[in-house]
């Protein structure tokens, strides 16, 4: 348990550079990887997915909410994949759930106010992920788990698409 807490604190304490350009929030065009308005430092690809959450939290606090959402969903996808491979360290699921709650909840609340934007960001994550190898967890060695994990994000995207009005109604009720 001490290792988990130490790792969580370390992941929060270590900064990761994300270079970004202006994001056109109104764009509804699915971005190709070379056109995505987010450039992730190549060093991030070889880091534990918890580092993505740390960066997403930092970006969100700075007001870069769309960028935070992109990094969050990319980290979530990679963390879920890591958990599927059974190659993660003891306590990884606890850390994942904690990060989902502390970092993911505010990002998802923000995204729920703009379902079309949420869908656009998920689309960008899927495009980016498909064109940028995961250097932390070997996708080729765990191909079935990788496919299963990316299908989960596709299902979330489809759910949001099919339930936009329900999501907006829920957001308005929660105000």
Protein backbone atom coordinates (compact mmCIF):
# COMPACT_ATOMS: atom_id res chain seq x y z
CA UNK A 1 0.00 0.00 0.00
CA UNK A 2 2.91 2.34 0.74
CA UNK A 3 4.20 1.72 -2.80
CA UNK A 4 0.81 2.65 -4.28
CA UNK A 5 0.61 5.87 -2.28
CA UNK A 6 4.23 6.70 -3.11
CA UNK A 7 3.58 6.08 -6.79
CA UNK A 8 0.43 8.20 -6.74
CA UNK A 9 2.27 11.05 -5.07
CA UNK A 10 5.18 10.68 -7.48
CA UNK A 11 2.87 10.73 -10.48
CA UNK A 12 1.27 13.92 -9.19
CA UNK A 13 4.61 15.53 -8.40
CA UNK A 14 6.35 14.88 -11.72
CA UNK A 15 5.59 17.29 -14.54
CA UNK A 16 5.16 16.18 -18.12
CA UNK A 17 5.50 18.62 -20.97
CA UNK A 18 2.61 18.93 -23.32
CA UNK A 19 2.98 21.35 -26.19
CA UNK A 20 -0.31 22.63 -27.42
CA UNK A 21 -1.73 24.95 -29.98
CA UNK A 22 -5.06 26.75 -29.89
CA UNK A 23 -8.03 24.41 -29.93
CA UNK A 24 -11.04 25.24 -32.02
CA UNK A 25 -13.76 23.87 -29.75
CA UNK A 26 -16.46 24.33 -32.36
CA UNK A 27 -14.76 22.16 -34.96
CA UNK A 28 -16.81 19.09 -35.80
CA UNK A 29 -14.36 17.64 -38.27
CA UNK A 30 -12.65 14.44 -37.21
CA UNK A 31 -9.01 15.35 -36.96
CA UNK A 32 -6.39 13.27 -38.66
CA UNK A 33 -3.41 12.59 -36.45
CA UNK A 34 -1.27 15.24 -38.14
CA UNK A 35 -4.05 17.82 -37.69
CA UNK A 36 -4.85 17.16 -34.05
CA UNK A 37 -4.44 20.33 -32.07
CA UNK A 38 -2.56 18.52 -29.33
CA UNK A 39 1.05 17.45 -29.55
CA UNK A 40 2.12 15.06 -26.88
CA UNK A 41 5.73 14.99 -25.87
CA UNK A 42 7.21 11.76 -27.24
CA UNK A 43 8.63 10.99 -23.80
CA UNK A 44 5.09 10.61 -22.48
CA UNK A 45 4.56 7.53 -24.67
CA UNK A 46 7.03 5.53 -22.59
CA UNK A 47 5.60 6.62 -19.23
CA UNK A 48 3.17 4.82 -16.98
CA UNK A 49 -0.40 5.87 -17.85
CA UNK A 50 -0.76 7.52 -14.42
CA UNK A 51 1.46 10.29 -15.73
CA UNK A 52 -1.20 11.15 -18.32
CA UNK A 53 -3.69 11.73 -15.52
CA UNK A 54 -1.24 14.02 -13.74
CA UNK A 55 -0.83 16.07 -16.91
CA UNK A 56 -4.57 16.13 -17.57
CA UNK A 57 -5.19 17.44 -14.05
CA UNK A 58 -2.60 20.17 -14.56
CA UNK A 59 -4.06 21.23 -17.93
CA UNK A 60 -7.59 21.28 -16.52
CA UNK A 61 -6.52 23.47 -13.60
CA UNK A 62 -4.91 25.87 -16.11
CA UNK A 63 -8.20 26.16 -18.01
CA UNK A 64 -7.08 24.05 -20.97
CA UNK A 65 -10.10 21.79 -20.60
CA UNK A 66 -10.22 20.25 -24.08
CA UNK A 67 -6.52 19.48 -23.95
CA UNK A 68 -6.98 18.00 -20.48
CA UNK A 69 -9.81 15.82 -21.77
CA UNK A 70 -7.70 14.58 -24.66
CA UNK A 71 -4.78 13.65 -22.40
CA UNK A 72 -7.16 12.13 -19.82
CA UNK A 73 -8.87 9.86 -22.34
CA UNK A 74 -5.57 8.85 -23.88
CA UNK A 75 -4.25 7.99 -20.42
CA UNK A 76 -7.43 6.17 -19.52
CA UNK A 77 -7.25 4.10 -22.70
CA UNK A 78 -3.64 3.16 -22.03
CA UNK A 79 -4.26 2.44 -18.35
CA UNK A 80 -7.23 0.20 -19.14
CA UNK A 81 -5.06 -1.62 -21.67
CA UNK A 82 -2.30 -2.07 -19.09
CA UNK A 83 -4.81 -3.51 -16.61
CA UNK A 84 -6.13 -5.92 -19.28
CA UNK A 85 -2.65 -7.37 -19.82
CA UNK A 86 -2.20 -8.37 -16.17
CA UNK A 87 1.28 -6.82 -16.43
CA UNK A 88 0.49 -4.00 -14.00
CA UNK A 89 1.96 -3.72 -10.53
CA UNK A 90 0.05 -4.72 -7.42
CA UNK A 91 -2.42 -2.04 -6.49
CA UNK A 92 -2.70 -0.65 -10.04
CA UNK A 93 -6.48 -1.02 -10.06
CA UNK A 94 -6.76 0.98 -6.84
CA UNK A 95 -4.61 3.75 -8.29
CA UNK A 96 -6.60 3.68 -11.55
CA UNK A 97 -9.91 4.01 -9.71
CA UNK A 98 -8.56 6.84 -7.57
CA UNK A 99 -7.33 8.71 -10.65
CA UNK A 100 -10.65 8.14 -12.41
CA UNK A 101 -12.46 9.70 -9.48
CA UNK A 102 -10.13 12.60 -8.74
CA UNK A 103 -9.06 13.56 -12.26
CA UNK A 104 -11.74 12.02 -14.45
CA UNK A 105 -14.86 13.18 -12.66
CA UNK A 106 -14.36 16.94 -13.21
CA UNK A 107 -13.27 16.39 -16.81
CA UNK A 108 -16.30 14.23 -17.55
CA UNK A 109 -18.62 16.78 -15.88
CA UNK A 110 -17.17 19.42 -18.19
CA UNK A 111 -17.51 17.21 -21.27
CA UNK A 112 -21.10 16.28 -20.43
CA UNK A 113 -22.10 19.91 -21.02
CA UNK A 114 -20.98 19.61 -24.66
CA UNK A 115 -21.57 16.07 -25.96
CA UNK A 116 -20.50 16.94 -29.52
CA UNK A 117 -17.18 18.20 -28.17
CA UNK A 118 -16.85 15.04 -26.05
CA UNK A 119 -17.34 12.90 -29.16
CA UNK A 120 -14.81 14.99 -31.12
CA UNK A 121 -12.19 14.55 -28.41
CA UNK A 122 -12.74 10.79 -28.21
CA UNK A 123 -12.45 10.59 -32.00
CA UNK A 124 -9.16 12.49 -31.83
CA UNK A 125 -7.85 10.16 -29.13
CA UNK A 126 -8.72 7.10 -31.22
CA UNK A 127 -7.03 8.55 -34.30
CA UNK A 128 -3.95 9.62 -32.35
CA UNK A 129 -3.71 6.29 -30.53
CA UNK A 130 -3.95 4.37 -33.80
CA UNK A 131 -1.00 6.28 -35.24
CA UNK A 132 1.25 6.52 -32.18
CA UNK A 133 2.60 3.31 -30.68
CA UNK A 134 2.33 2.73 -26.96
CA UNK A 135 5.90 2.40 -25.72
CA UNK A 136 4.88 1.45 -22.19
CA UNK A 137 2.74 -1.63 -22.89
CA UNK A 138 3.48 -3.78 -25.94
CA UNK A 139 0.41 -3.67 -28.19
CA UNK A 140 1.69 -6.44 -30.46
CA UNK A 141 2.22 -8.86 -27.58
CA UNK A 142 -1.28 -8.21 -26.20
CA UNK A 143 -3.19 -7.57 -29.44
CA UNK A 144 -6.53 -9.03 -28.28
CA UNK A 145 -6.50 -6.98 -25.08
CA UNK A 146 -5.61 -3.86 -27.06
CA UNK A 147 -8.50 -4.37 -29.47
CA UNK A 148 -10.88 -5.03 -26.59
CA UNK A 149 -9.77 -1.86 -24.81
CA UNK A 150 -10.11 0.39 -27.86
CA UNK A 151 -13.53 -1.13 -28.57
CA UNK A 152 -14.56 0.01 -25.09
CA UNK A 153 -13.76 3.63 -25.98
CA UNK A 154 -15.65 3.25 -29.27
CA UNK A 155 -18.66 2.01 -27.28
CA UNK A 156 -18.49 5.03 -24.97
CA UNK A 157 -18.35 7.31 -28.00
CA UNK A 158 -21.38 5.59 -29.53
CA UNK A 159 -23.29 5.82 -26.24
CA UNK A 160 -22.64 9.58 -26.04
CA UNK A 161 -23.71 10.00 -29.68
CA UNK A 162 -26.96 8.10 -29.10
CA UNK A 163 -27.77 9.78 -25.78
CA UNK A 164 -26.82 13.43 -26.25
CA UNK A 165 -30.17 14.80 -25.16
CA UNK A 166 -30.32 12.50 -22.15
CA UNK A 167 -26.82 13.59 -21.10
CA UNK A 168 -27.65 17.30 -21.48
CA UNK A 169 -30.91 16.82 -19.55
CA UNK A 170 -29.00 15.13 -16.71
CA UNK A 171 -26.44 17.96 -16.63
CA UNK A 172 -29.22 20.53 -16.39
CA UNK A 173 -30.91 18.59 -13.55
CA UNK A 174 -27.65 18.44 -11.62
CA UNK A 175 -27.19 22.24 -11.68
